[in-house]
N, C-alpha and C. Protein backbone atom coordinates (compact mmCIF):
# COMPACT_ATOMS: atom_id res chain seq x y z
N MET A 1 -14.13 20.96 -13.50
CA MET A 1 -14.66 21.74 -12.40
C MET A 1 -16.01 21.16 -11.95
N LYS A 2 -16.20 21.13 -10.66
CA LYS A 2 -17.45 20.61 -10.13
C LYS A 2 -18.59 21.63 -10.32
N ARG A 3 -19.82 21.11 -10.37
CA ARG A 3 -20.97 21.97 -10.62
C ARG A 3 -22.16 21.49 -9.78
N CYS A 4 -22.87 22.46 -9.22
CA CYS A 4 -24.08 22.18 -8.46
C CYS A 4 -25.27 22.40 -9.38
N ALA A 5 -26.05 21.33 -9.61
CA ALA A 5 -27.21 21.45 -10.51
C ALA A 5 -28.31 22.29 -9.90
N ASP A 6 -28.46 22.27 -8.58
CA ASP A 6 -29.54 23.03 -7.94
C ASP A 6 -29.28 24.53 -8.00
N CYS A 7 -28.02 24.92 -7.73
CA CYS A 7 -27.68 26.35 -7.74
C CYS A 7 -27.23 26.85 -9.11
N ALA A 8 -26.92 25.90 -10.02
CA ALA A 8 -26.45 26.24 -11.36
C ALA A 8 -25.18 27.08 -11.31
N VAL A 9 -24.23 26.66 -10.47
CA VAL A 9 -22.96 27.38 -10.34
C VAL A 9 -21.82 26.38 -10.44
N ASP A 10 -20.68 26.87 -10.94
CA ASP A 10 -19.45 26.08 -10.95
C ASP A 10 -18.69 26.31 -9.66
N ILE A 11 -18.05 25.26 -9.15
CA ILE A 11 -17.39 25.33 -7.84
C ILE A 11 -15.94 24.93 -8.01
N GLU A 12 -15.04 25.83 -7.63
CA GLU A 12 -13.62 25.52 -7.64
C GLU A 12 -13.23 24.86 -6.32
N GLY A 13 -12.25 23.96 -6.39
CA GLY A 13 -11.81 23.26 -5.20
C GLY A 13 -12.39 21.86 -5.12
N ASP A 14 -12.00 21.13 -4.09
CA ASP A 14 -12.43 19.74 -3.91
C ASP A 14 -13.57 19.67 -2.91
N TRP A 15 -14.71 20.23 -3.26
CA TRP A 15 -15.88 20.25 -2.40
C TRP A 15 -16.68 18.97 -2.61
N ALA A 16 -17.08 18.32 -1.51
CA ALA A 16 -17.95 17.16 -1.62
C ALA A 16 -19.41 17.57 -1.75
N ASN A 17 -19.75 18.73 -1.17
CA ASN A 17 -21.11 19.27 -1.24
C ASN A 17 -21.05 20.73 -1.61
N CYS A 18 -22.14 21.24 -2.13
CA CYS A 18 -22.21 22.64 -2.53
C CYS A 18 -22.08 23.54 -1.31
N PRO A 19 -21.21 24.54 -1.31
CA PRO A 19 -21.09 25.44 -0.15
C PRO A 19 -22.30 26.36 0.03
N LEU A 20 -23.18 26.43 -0.96
CA LEU A 20 -24.36 27.29 -0.86
C LEU A 20 -25.58 26.54 -0.33
N CYS A 21 -25.87 25.40 -0.95
CA CYS A 21 -27.07 24.66 -0.55
C CYS A 21 -26.76 23.33 0.11
N THR A 22 -25.49 22.97 0.23
CA THR A 22 -25.02 21.71 0.82
C THR A 22 -25.52 20.48 0.06
N GLY A 23 -25.96 20.69 -1.19
CA GLY A 23 -26.41 19.58 -2.00
C GLY A 23 -25.25 18.88 -2.68
N PRO A 24 -25.48 17.73 -3.28
CA PRO A 24 -24.40 16.99 -3.97
C PRO A 24 -23.93 17.74 -5.21
N VAL A 25 -22.65 17.57 -5.54
CA VAL A 25 -22.06 18.21 -6.71
C VAL A 25 -21.51 17.13 -7.62
N ALA A 26 -21.36 17.46 -8.89
CA ALA A 26 -20.85 16.52 -9.88
C ALA A 26 -19.71 17.16 -10.65
N GLY A 27 -18.86 16.32 -11.24
CA GLY A 27 -17.74 16.83 -12.02
C GLY A 27 -16.41 16.52 -11.39
N GLN A 28 -15.35 16.96 -12.07
CA GLN A 28 -13.99 16.74 -11.60
C GLN A 28 -13.52 17.90 -10.73
N ALA A 29 -12.78 17.56 -9.66
CA ALA A 29 -12.26 18.60 -8.76
C ALA A 29 -11.09 19.33 -9.42
N VAL A 30 -10.97 20.61 -9.14
CA VAL A 30 -9.85 21.42 -9.60
C VAL A 30 -9.16 22.03 -8.40
N ARG A 31 -7.99 22.60 -8.64
CA ARG A 31 -7.21 23.20 -7.55
C ARG A 31 -7.96 24.38 -6.95
N SER A 32 -7.98 24.43 -5.63
CA SER A 32 -8.68 25.52 -4.95
C SER A 32 -7.94 26.83 -5.15
N PRO A 33 -8.66 27.93 -5.42
CA PRO A 33 -8.00 29.23 -5.57
C PRO A 33 -7.54 29.83 -4.26
N LEU A 34 -7.99 29.28 -3.16
CA LEU A 34 -7.64 29.81 -1.84
C LEU A 34 -6.35 29.17 -1.34
N PRO A 35 -5.49 29.92 -0.68
CA PRO A 35 -4.25 29.33 -0.14
C PRO A 35 -4.53 28.39 1.00
N ALA A 36 -3.64 27.42 1.19
CA ALA A 36 -3.77 26.48 2.30
C ALA A 36 -3.27 27.15 3.57
N VAL A 37 -4.15 27.29 4.53
CA VAL A 37 -3.82 27.95 5.80
C VAL A 37 -3.55 26.87 6.84
N PRO A 38 -2.39 26.89 7.50
CA PRO A 38 -2.10 25.88 8.52
C PRO A 38 -3.13 25.90 9.63
N LEU A 39 -3.50 24.70 10.10
CA LEU A 39 -4.47 24.60 11.17
C LEU A 39 -3.84 25.01 12.49
N THR A 40 -4.65 25.61 13.33
CA THR A 40 -4.18 26.00 14.65
C THR A 40 -4.15 24.77 15.56
N PHE A 41 -3.40 24.88 16.62
CA PHE A 41 -3.29 23.78 17.57
C PHE A 41 -3.11 24.35 18.95
N SER A 42 -3.37 23.52 19.95
CA SER A 42 -3.25 23.93 21.34
C SER A 42 -1.87 23.58 21.86
N ARG A 43 -1.09 24.59 22.23
CA ARG A 43 0.23 24.32 22.78
C ARG A 43 0.14 23.59 24.12
N ARG A 44 -0.91 23.90 24.87
CA ARG A 44 -1.08 23.21 26.15
C ARG A 44 -1.30 21.71 25.93
N ARG A 45 -2.06 21.38 24.90
CA ARG A 45 -2.29 19.96 24.62
C ARG A 45 -1.00 19.29 24.16
N VAL A 46 -0.22 19.98 23.33
CA VAL A 46 1.05 19.42 22.86
C VAL A 46 1.97 19.13 24.04
N LEU A 47 2.10 20.11 24.94
CA LEU A 47 2.99 19.93 26.09
C LEU A 47 2.47 18.86 27.03
N ARG A 48 1.15 18.75 27.16
CA ARG A 48 0.60 17.70 28.04
C ARG A 48 0.90 16.31 27.49
N VAL A 49 0.69 16.13 26.19
CA VAL A 49 0.99 14.83 25.56
C VAL A 49 2.48 14.53 25.67
N LEU A 50 3.32 15.55 25.45
CA LEU A 50 4.76 15.36 25.54
C LEU A 50 5.19 15.00 26.95
N PHE A 51 4.60 15.66 27.94
CA PHE A 51 4.95 15.38 29.33
C PHE A 51 4.57 13.95 29.72
N LEU A 52 3.37 13.53 29.35
CA LEU A 52 2.94 12.18 29.69
C LEU A 52 3.78 11.13 28.96
N THR A 53 4.14 11.42 27.71
CA THR A 53 5.00 10.49 26.98
C THR A 53 6.38 10.39 27.62
N SER A 54 6.91 11.51 28.06
CA SER A 54 8.22 11.51 28.72
C SER A 54 8.19 10.70 30.01
N ILE A 55 7.14 10.88 30.80
CA ILE A 55 7.01 10.10 32.03
C ILE A 55 6.94 8.61 31.72
N ALA A 56 6.20 8.25 30.67
CA ALA A 56 6.09 6.84 30.30
C ALA A 56 7.44 6.28 29.88
N VAL A 57 8.21 7.05 29.11
CA VAL A 57 9.53 6.59 28.67
C VAL A 57 10.47 6.42 29.87
N ILE A 58 10.46 7.37 30.79
CA ILE A 58 11.33 7.28 31.96
C ILE A 58 10.96 6.09 32.84
N LEU A 59 9.66 5.89 33.08
CA LEU A 59 9.23 4.75 33.88
C LEU A 59 9.58 3.42 33.20
N ALA A 60 9.45 3.39 31.88
CA ALA A 60 9.82 2.17 31.15
C ALA A 60 11.32 1.90 31.28
N SER A 61 12.14 2.96 31.28
CA SER A 61 13.58 2.75 31.42
C SER A 61 13.94 2.21 32.79
N TYR A 62 13.29 2.76 33.84
CA TYR A 62 13.55 2.24 35.18
C TYR A 62 13.04 0.81 35.33
N GLY A 63 11.89 0.52 34.70
CA GLY A 63 11.36 -0.84 34.75
C GLY A 63 12.30 -1.82 34.07
N ALA A 64 12.89 -1.40 32.96
CA ALA A 64 13.85 -2.28 32.28
C ALA A 64 15.09 -2.51 33.13
N GLN A 65 15.52 -1.47 33.85
CA GLN A 65 16.68 -1.63 34.73
C GLN A 65 16.39 -2.66 35.82
N LEU A 66 15.20 -2.57 36.42
CA LEU A 66 14.86 -3.50 37.48
C LEU A 66 14.62 -4.90 36.94
N LEU A 67 14.01 -5.00 35.76
CA LEU A 67 13.67 -6.30 35.19
C LEU A 67 14.92 -7.08 34.82
N PHE A 68 15.87 -6.40 34.21
CA PHE A 68 17.08 -7.08 33.75
C PHE A 68 18.23 -6.97 34.74
N ASN A 69 17.98 -6.32 35.91
CA ASN A 69 18.96 -6.24 36.99
C ASN A 69 20.29 -5.67 36.50
N ARG A 70 20.22 -4.49 35.89
CA ARG A 70 21.44 -3.87 35.38
C ARG A 70 22.30 -3.35 36.53
N GLY A 71 23.58 -3.52 36.43
CA GLY A 71 24.50 -3.04 37.44
C GLY A 71 25.02 -1.66 37.10
N ILE A 72 26.00 -1.22 37.87
CA ILE A 72 26.53 0.12 37.69
C ILE A 72 27.27 0.26 36.38
N ASP A 73 27.77 -0.87 35.83
CA ASP A 73 28.51 -0.80 34.57
C ASP A 73 27.59 -0.56 33.37
N GLU A 74 26.28 -0.71 33.55
CA GLU A 74 25.35 -0.59 32.44
C GLU A 74 24.53 0.70 32.53
N ILE A 75 25.02 1.71 33.21
CA ILE A 75 24.24 2.94 33.35
C ILE A 75 24.19 3.72 32.04
N GLY A 76 24.92 3.26 31.03
CA GLY A 76 24.83 3.91 29.74
C GLY A 76 23.43 3.83 29.15
N VAL A 77 22.69 2.78 29.48
CA VAL A 77 21.32 2.64 29.00
C VAL A 77 20.46 3.75 29.57
N LEU A 78 20.56 3.98 30.88
CA LEU A 78 19.74 4.99 31.52
C LEU A 78 20.12 6.39 31.03
N ARG A 79 21.40 6.63 30.87
CA ARG A 79 21.82 7.91 30.33
C ARG A 79 21.25 8.13 28.93
N SER A 80 21.23 7.08 28.14
CA SER A 80 20.71 7.19 26.78
C SER A 80 19.22 7.50 26.78
N VAL A 81 18.49 6.93 27.72
CA VAL A 81 17.05 7.21 27.80
C VAL A 81 16.82 8.68 28.13
N TRP A 82 17.60 9.21 29.05
CA TRP A 82 17.47 10.64 29.36
C TRP A 82 17.81 11.50 28.16
N LEU A 83 18.84 11.11 27.41
CA LEU A 83 19.15 11.84 26.17
C LEU A 83 17.99 11.77 25.18
N GLY A 84 17.34 10.61 25.12
CA GLY A 84 16.20 10.47 24.23
C GLY A 84 15.04 11.36 24.64
N VAL A 85 14.78 11.44 25.95
CA VAL A 85 13.70 12.31 26.43
C VAL A 85 14.01 13.78 26.12
N ILE A 86 15.26 14.17 26.33
CA ILE A 86 15.65 15.55 25.99
C ILE A 86 15.47 15.81 24.50
N THR A 87 15.86 14.84 23.67
CA THR A 87 15.68 14.99 22.23
C THR A 87 14.21 15.14 21.87
N MET A 88 13.36 14.35 22.50
CA MET A 88 11.93 14.41 22.22
C MET A 88 11.35 15.78 22.55
N TRP A 89 11.75 16.34 23.69
CA TRP A 89 11.31 17.68 24.07
C TRP A 89 11.81 18.73 23.08
N LEU A 90 13.07 18.64 22.70
CA LEU A 90 13.63 19.63 21.78
C LEU A 90 12.95 19.56 20.41
N VAL A 91 12.66 18.36 19.93
CA VAL A 91 12.02 18.22 18.62
C VAL A 91 10.62 18.83 18.63
N VAL A 92 9.82 18.49 19.64
CA VAL A 92 8.44 18.99 19.69
C VAL A 92 8.42 20.50 19.93
N LEU A 93 9.27 20.99 20.83
CA LEU A 93 9.30 22.44 21.08
C LEU A 93 9.77 23.19 19.85
N MET A 94 10.70 22.63 19.11
CA MET A 94 11.15 23.26 17.87
C MET A 94 10.02 23.31 16.85
N ALA A 95 9.22 22.23 16.79
CA ALA A 95 8.09 22.21 15.86
C ALA A 95 7.01 23.21 16.27
N VAL A 96 6.82 23.39 17.58
CA VAL A 96 5.80 24.32 18.06
C VAL A 96 6.21 25.77 17.83
N ARG A 97 7.46 26.08 18.11
CA ARG A 97 7.92 27.47 18.04
C ARG A 97 8.29 27.89 16.62
N LYS A 98 8.83 26.96 15.83
CA LYS A 98 9.25 27.29 14.47
C LYS A 98 8.84 26.17 13.55
N ARG A 99 7.75 26.35 12.84
CA ARG A 99 7.17 25.28 12.05
C ARG A 99 7.77 25.19 10.65
N ARG A 100 8.72 26.05 10.32
CA ARG A 100 9.38 25.97 9.03
C ARG A 100 10.73 25.28 9.19
N ASN A 101 11.07 24.43 8.22
CA ASN A 101 12.34 23.70 8.21
C ASN A 101 12.50 22.84 9.46
N VAL A 102 11.38 22.28 9.95
CA VAL A 102 11.44 21.43 11.14
C VAL A 102 12.22 20.16 10.84
N ALA A 103 12.00 19.58 9.66
CA ALA A 103 12.68 18.33 9.31
C ALA A 103 14.20 18.51 9.30
N LYS A 104 14.66 19.60 8.72
CA LYS A 104 16.10 19.86 8.68
C LYS A 104 16.65 20.05 10.10
N GLY A 105 15.89 20.74 10.94
CA GLY A 105 16.33 20.93 12.32
C GLY A 105 16.42 19.63 13.08
N ILE A 106 15.48 18.70 12.82
CA ILE A 106 15.51 17.41 13.50
C ILE A 106 16.74 16.61 13.09
N VAL A 107 17.06 16.63 11.81
CA VAL A 107 18.25 15.91 11.34
C VAL A 107 19.50 16.47 11.99
N TYR A 108 19.63 17.80 12.04
CA TYR A 108 20.79 18.42 12.68
C TYR A 108 20.85 18.08 14.16
N LEU A 109 19.70 18.10 14.83
CA LEU A 109 19.67 17.84 16.27
C LEU A 109 20.08 16.41 16.58
N VAL A 110 19.49 15.44 15.87
CA VAL A 110 19.83 14.03 16.11
C VAL A 110 21.29 13.77 15.76
N ALA A 111 21.77 14.34 14.66
CA ALA A 111 23.16 14.15 14.27
C ALA A 111 24.11 14.74 15.31
N LEU A 112 23.78 15.92 15.84
CA LEU A 112 24.64 16.56 16.84
C LEU A 112 24.71 15.73 18.12
N ILE A 113 23.55 15.28 18.61
CA ILE A 113 23.54 14.48 19.83
C ILE A 113 24.25 13.14 19.61
N GLY A 114 24.01 12.52 18.45
CA GLY A 114 24.65 11.25 18.16
C GLY A 114 26.16 11.36 18.07
N LEU A 115 26.65 12.39 17.39
CA LEU A 115 28.10 12.57 17.27
C LEU A 115 28.73 12.89 18.62
N ALA A 116 28.02 13.67 19.45
CA ALA A 116 28.54 13.97 20.78
C ALA A 116 28.66 12.71 21.62
N CYS A 117 27.68 11.81 21.52
CA CYS A 117 27.73 10.56 22.27
C CYS A 117 28.86 9.66 21.77
N VAL A 118 29.03 9.59 20.45
CA VAL A 118 30.11 8.77 19.88
C VAL A 118 31.47 9.30 20.31
N TYR A 119 31.63 10.62 20.33
CA TYR A 119 32.91 11.21 20.74
C TYR A 119 33.17 10.96 22.23
N TRP A 120 32.12 11.08 23.04
CA TRP A 120 32.24 10.81 24.48
C TRP A 120 32.63 9.34 24.69
N ASP A 121 31.98 8.44 23.96
CA ASP A 121 32.32 7.02 24.06
C ASP A 121 33.77 6.77 23.65
N TYR A 122 34.22 7.45 22.61
CA TYR A 122 35.60 7.28 22.13
C TYR A 122 36.61 7.76 23.17
N LEU A 123 36.31 8.88 23.83
CA LEU A 123 37.23 9.43 24.83
C LEU A 123 37.30 8.56 26.08
N THR A 124 36.23 7.85 26.39
CA THR A 124 36.20 7.06 27.62
C THR A 124 36.56 5.59 27.41
N GLY A 125 37.09 5.24 26.24
CA GLY A 125 37.56 3.86 26.05
C GLY A 125 36.87 3.08 24.95
N TRP A 126 35.89 3.65 24.29
CA TRP A 126 35.16 3.03 23.18
C TRP A 126 34.56 1.67 23.57
N TYR A 127 33.53 1.76 24.44
CA TYR A 127 32.78 0.57 24.83
C TYR A 127 31.56 0.34 23.93
N ARG A 128 31.40 1.21 22.95
CA ARG A 128 30.32 1.13 21.95
C ARG A 128 28.93 1.28 22.54
N TRP A 129 28.83 1.88 23.74
CA TRP A 129 27.51 2.13 24.28
C TRP A 129 26.78 3.21 23.48
N SER A 130 27.54 4.07 22.80
CA SER A 130 26.90 5.13 22.02
C SER A 130 26.13 4.57 20.83
N LEU A 131 26.74 3.61 20.10
CA LEU A 131 26.06 3.00 18.96
C LEU A 131 25.05 1.96 19.39
N THR A 132 25.29 1.33 20.54
CA THR A 132 24.38 0.28 21.01
C THR A 132 23.13 0.85 21.64
N TYR A 133 23.27 1.90 22.44
CA TYR A 133 22.14 2.43 23.19
C TYR A 133 21.78 3.88 22.83
N ALA A 134 22.77 4.76 22.87
CA ALA A 134 22.47 6.20 22.77
C ALA A 134 21.81 6.56 21.44
N VAL A 135 22.46 6.23 20.34
CA VAL A 135 21.93 6.64 19.03
C VAL A 135 20.58 5.98 18.73
N PRO A 136 20.39 4.66 18.94
CA PRO A 136 19.06 4.09 18.70
C PRO A 136 17.96 4.70 19.56
N ILE A 137 18.26 4.96 20.83
CA ILE A 137 17.24 5.52 21.72
C ILE A 137 16.93 6.96 21.32
N VAL A 138 17.95 7.74 20.96
CA VAL A 138 17.71 9.11 20.51
C VAL A 138 16.88 9.12 19.23
N CYS A 139 17.21 8.25 18.29
CA CYS A 139 16.43 8.17 17.05
C CYS A 139 15.00 7.72 17.32
N ALA A 140 14.81 6.75 18.22
CA ALA A 140 13.46 6.29 18.53
C ALA A 140 12.64 7.39 19.17
N CYS A 141 13.23 8.15 20.08
CA CYS A 141 12.50 9.25 20.72
C CYS A 141 12.20 10.36 19.72
N ALA A 142 13.10 10.58 18.76
CA ALA A 142 12.81 11.56 17.71
C ALA A 142 11.63 11.11 16.86
N VAL A 143 11.53 9.81 16.59
CA VAL A 143 10.39 9.28 15.85
C VAL A 143 9.09 9.48 16.63
N VAL A 144 9.14 9.23 17.95
CA VAL A 144 7.96 9.45 18.79
C VAL A 144 7.57 10.93 18.76
N ALA A 145 8.56 11.82 18.82
CA ALA A 145 8.27 13.24 18.76
C ALA A 145 7.65 13.62 17.42
N LEU A 146 8.12 13.02 16.33
CA LEU A 146 7.51 13.25 15.02
C LEU A 146 6.05 12.82 15.01
N LEU A 147 5.77 11.67 15.62
CA LEU A 147 4.40 11.17 15.67
C LEU A 147 3.51 12.11 16.47
N ILE A 148 4.02 12.63 17.58
CA ILE A 148 3.27 13.60 18.38
C ILE A 148 3.01 14.85 17.57
N THR A 149 4.02 15.31 16.85
CA THR A 149 3.88 16.52 16.04
C THR A 149 2.82 16.36 14.97
N VAL A 150 2.85 15.22 14.27
CA VAL A 150 1.89 14.99 13.19
C VAL A 150 0.48 14.83 13.74
N ARG A 151 0.35 14.11 14.86
CA ARG A 151 -0.97 13.81 15.41
C ARG A 151 -1.61 15.01 16.08
N VAL A 152 -0.86 15.74 16.87
CA VAL A 152 -1.44 16.82 17.67
C VAL A 152 -1.53 18.12 16.89
N MET A 153 -0.46 18.44 16.11
CA MET A 153 -0.44 19.72 15.40
C MET A 153 -1.20 19.67 14.08
N ARG A 154 -1.50 18.48 13.56
CA ARG A 154 -2.27 18.33 12.33
C ARG A 154 -1.63 19.12 11.18
N ILE A 155 -0.43 18.70 10.81
CA ILE A 155 0.30 19.40 9.77
C ILE A 155 -0.32 19.13 8.42
N GLU A 156 0.11 19.89 7.41
CA GLU A 156 -0.44 19.77 6.08
C GLU A 156 0.03 18.48 5.42
N VAL A 157 -0.69 18.11 4.36
CA VAL A 157 -0.42 16.84 3.69
C VAL A 157 1.00 16.81 3.11
N GLY A 158 1.45 17.92 2.52
CA GLY A 158 2.78 17.97 1.95
C GLY A 158 3.86 17.68 2.96
N GLU A 159 3.65 18.09 4.21
CA GLU A 159 4.64 17.84 5.25
C GLU A 159 4.69 16.37 5.63
N HIS A 160 3.60 15.62 5.41
CA HIS A 160 3.61 14.19 5.72
C HIS A 160 4.68 13.47 4.90
N ILE A 161 4.89 13.92 3.68
CA ILE A 161 5.89 13.29 2.82
C ILE A 161 7.28 13.47 3.43
N VAL A 162 7.57 14.68 3.89
CA VAL A 162 8.87 14.97 4.49
C VAL A 162 9.06 14.15 5.77
N TYR A 163 8.04 14.14 6.63
CA TYR A 163 8.16 13.42 7.89
C TYR A 163 8.22 11.91 7.68
N SER A 164 7.55 11.40 6.65
CA SER A 164 7.64 9.97 6.37
C SER A 164 9.06 9.59 5.96
N GLY A 165 9.66 10.39 5.09
CA GLY A 165 11.04 10.13 4.70
C GLY A 165 12.00 10.26 5.86
N LEU A 166 11.75 11.24 6.73
CA LEU A 166 12.62 11.42 7.89
C LEU A 166 12.48 10.25 8.86
N THR A 167 11.28 9.72 9.01
CA THR A 167 11.07 8.55 9.86
C THR A 167 11.87 7.35 9.37
N VAL A 168 11.86 7.14 8.05
CA VAL A 168 12.64 6.04 7.47
C VAL A 168 14.13 6.27 7.71
N LEU A 169 14.59 7.49 7.54
CA LEU A 169 16.01 7.81 7.74
C LEU A 169 16.45 7.55 9.17
N LEU A 170 15.63 7.98 10.14
CA LEU A 170 15.98 7.77 11.55
C LEU A 170 15.97 6.29 11.93
N GLY A 171 15.09 5.52 11.29
CA GLY A 171 15.03 4.11 11.60
C GLY A 171 16.14 3.30 10.96
N LEU A 172 16.63 3.76 9.81
CA LEU A 172 17.66 3.00 9.10
C LEU A 172 19.04 3.13 9.72
N ALA A 173 19.31 4.24 10.39
CA ALA A 173 20.64 4.44 10.98
C ALA A 173 20.99 3.36 11.99
N PRO A 174 20.16 3.09 13.02
CA PRO A 174 20.50 2.01 13.95
C PRO A 174 20.49 0.63 13.29
N ILE A 175 19.61 0.42 12.30
CA ILE A 175 19.61 -0.86 11.60
C ILE A 175 20.94 -1.07 10.87
N GLY A 176 21.51 0.02 10.35
CA GLY A 176 22.83 -0.07 9.72
C GLY A 176 23.90 -0.47 10.70
N PHE A 177 23.85 0.09 11.93
CA PHE A 177 24.80 -0.31 12.96
C PHE A 177 24.67 -1.80 13.26
N LEU A 178 23.44 -2.28 13.31
CA LEU A 178 23.19 -3.69 13.59
C LEU A 178 23.69 -4.58 12.45
N ALA A 179 23.50 -4.13 11.23
CA ALA A 179 23.92 -4.93 10.07
C ALA A 179 25.44 -5.05 9.99
N PHE A 180 26.15 -3.98 10.37
CA PHE A 180 27.61 -3.99 10.31
C PHE A 180 28.25 -4.60 11.57
N GLY A 181 27.43 -4.99 12.55
CA GLY A 181 27.97 -5.61 13.76
C GLY A 181 28.68 -4.64 14.67
N TRP A 182 28.24 -3.38 14.71
CA TRP A 182 28.90 -2.37 15.53
C TRP A 182 28.30 -2.27 16.93
N VAL A 183 27.30 -3.08 17.25
CA VAL A 183 26.61 -2.97 18.52
C VAL A 183 26.87 -4.22 19.35
N THR A 184 26.78 -4.07 20.65
CA THR A 184 26.95 -5.19 21.56
C THR A 184 25.62 -5.80 21.98
N ASN A 185 24.53 -5.09 21.75
CA ASN A 185 23.18 -5.57 22.08
C ASN A 185 22.25 -5.18 20.95
N PRO A 186 21.65 -6.12 20.25
CA PRO A 186 20.84 -5.78 19.07
C PRO A 186 19.45 -5.26 19.41
N VAL A 187 19.01 -5.37 20.67
CA VAL A 187 17.62 -5.04 21.01
C VAL A 187 17.28 -3.57 20.75
N PRO A 188 18.08 -2.57 21.23
CA PRO A 188 17.70 -1.18 20.97
C PRO A 188 17.60 -0.84 19.49
N SER A 189 18.52 -1.33 18.68
CA SER A 189 18.46 -1.05 17.24
C SER A 189 17.23 -1.68 16.60
N ALA A 190 16.92 -2.90 17.01
CA ALA A 190 15.73 -3.58 16.47
C ALA A 190 14.46 -2.85 16.87
N ILE A 191 14.40 -2.38 18.13
CA ILE A 191 13.21 -1.65 18.59
C ILE A 191 13.06 -0.34 17.81
N CYS A 192 14.17 0.36 17.59
CA CYS A 192 14.11 1.62 16.85
C CYS A 192 13.64 1.39 15.42
N GLY A 193 14.17 0.36 14.76
CA GLY A 193 13.73 0.06 13.40
C GLY A 193 12.27 -0.32 13.33
N SER A 194 11.82 -1.14 14.29
CA SER A 194 10.41 -1.54 14.31
C SER A 194 9.50 -0.34 14.58
N LEU A 195 9.93 0.53 15.49
CA LEU A 195 9.13 1.72 15.78
C LEU A 195 9.01 2.63 14.56
N SER A 196 10.09 2.75 13.81
CA SER A 196 10.06 3.56 12.60
C SER A 196 9.08 2.99 11.57
N VAL A 197 9.11 1.67 11.42
CA VAL A 197 8.19 1.03 10.46
C VAL A 197 6.75 1.23 10.91
N LEU A 198 6.46 1.04 12.20
CA LEU A 198 5.10 1.22 12.70
C LEU A 198 4.63 2.65 12.54
N THR A 199 5.53 3.61 12.80
CA THR A 199 5.17 5.02 12.64
C THR A 199 4.90 5.35 11.19
N LEU A 200 5.71 4.80 10.29
CA LEU A 200 5.50 5.04 8.86
C LEU A 200 4.15 4.47 8.41
N VAL A 201 3.81 3.28 8.90
CA VAL A 201 2.51 2.69 8.57
C VAL A 201 1.38 3.54 9.12
N ALA A 202 1.54 4.04 10.36
CA ALA A 202 0.51 4.88 10.95
C ALA A 202 0.31 6.17 10.16
N LEU A 203 1.42 6.78 9.72
CA LEU A 203 1.30 8.00 8.92
C LEU A 203 0.57 7.73 7.61
N GLN A 204 0.84 6.58 7.00
CA GLN A 204 0.18 6.25 5.75
C GLN A 204 -1.29 5.93 5.96
N LEU A 205 -1.63 5.31 7.09
CA LEU A 205 -3.03 5.01 7.35
C LEU A 205 -3.83 6.27 7.61
N VAL A 206 -3.18 7.24 8.27
CA VAL A 206 -3.90 8.48 8.59
C VAL A 206 -4.13 9.32 7.35
N SER A 207 -3.11 9.49 6.53
CA SER A 207 -3.21 10.36 5.36
C SER A 207 -2.67 9.71 4.10
N GLY A 208 -2.82 8.41 3.99
CA GLY A 208 -2.28 7.70 2.84
C GLY A 208 -2.81 8.19 1.50
N PRO A 209 -4.14 8.25 1.29
CA PRO A 209 -4.65 8.72 0.00
C PRO A 209 -4.24 10.14 -0.33
N ASP A 210 -4.28 11.02 0.66
CA ASP A 210 -3.89 12.41 0.41
C ASP A 210 -2.41 12.52 0.08
N VAL A 211 -1.58 11.71 0.76
CA VAL A 211 -0.15 11.73 0.49
C VAL A 211 0.15 11.23 -0.91
N ARG A 212 -0.52 10.14 -1.31
CA ARG A 212 -0.31 9.63 -2.66
C ARG A 212 -0.77 10.63 -3.71
N HIS A 213 -1.86 11.34 -3.43
CA HIS A 213 -2.34 12.36 -4.37
C HIS A 213 -1.33 13.51 -4.46
N GLU A 214 -0.76 13.88 -3.31
CA GLU A 214 0.24 14.96 -3.29
C GLU A 214 1.50 14.54 -4.04
N LEU A 215 1.92 13.29 -3.84
CA LEU A 215 3.10 12.79 -4.57
C LEU A 215 2.85 12.77 -6.08
N ALA A 216 1.65 12.38 -6.47
CA ALA A 216 1.32 12.35 -7.89
C ALA A 216 1.38 13.75 -8.51
N LYS A 217 0.93 14.75 -7.74
CA LYS A 217 0.98 16.11 -8.24
C LYS A 217 2.42 16.62 -8.34
N ARG A 218 3.24 16.30 -7.31
CA ARG A 218 4.61 16.80 -7.30
C ARG A 218 5.48 16.11 -8.34
N LEU A 219 5.19 14.83 -8.59
CA LEU A 219 5.97 14.08 -9.56
C LEU A 219 5.36 14.13 -10.96
N HIS A 220 4.23 14.83 -11.09
CA HIS A 220 3.53 14.98 -12.37
C HIS A 220 3.17 13.62 -12.96
N LEU A 221 2.63 12.74 -12.10
CA LEU A 221 2.22 11.41 -12.55
C LEU A 221 0.75 11.42 -12.95
């Protein structure tokens, strides 16, 4: 337990300074007796960031269409981008309205949209646009939504572990399609995998020490 020599009191929790005199404290930190209260966040700020991100994704999709001169046969890319934007909105709104079991809801949401796209592709002749474009773009937008959720809502350290694992899961699915040769264009899957890795690194840079400390406590290391 930490102790303040000036006040001659023992201090529970991980205080860097004495809460009474703000002086330095010495000793080992112990678990705080107070419960962890989730931090508040601005819904207006969340929606503003989400709106600007959606506009950027849509403009990037149109720019890619013009840059690569896609014809009418390749509109599956544009449809997939719109599905990704919808997924991003649903993920963030779900996190804002219901902050419990968000990770499980994201997995169900991405799986539902992905399976619907695969079934639609199968019914229309199986051109593999669902595995090539739809699923990687939906997964990438879900990763972006996770990053917005972590950055803007400032979730607790324990939730970083769940979101980090979910980021890896979302990134590995399109990479698996690429490894098995199920795609006609490797670029979307590669972008999704790279985005997942970058997001995972960003999460670790933001709360890496706290996450490792939380893992050590949960695994009793």
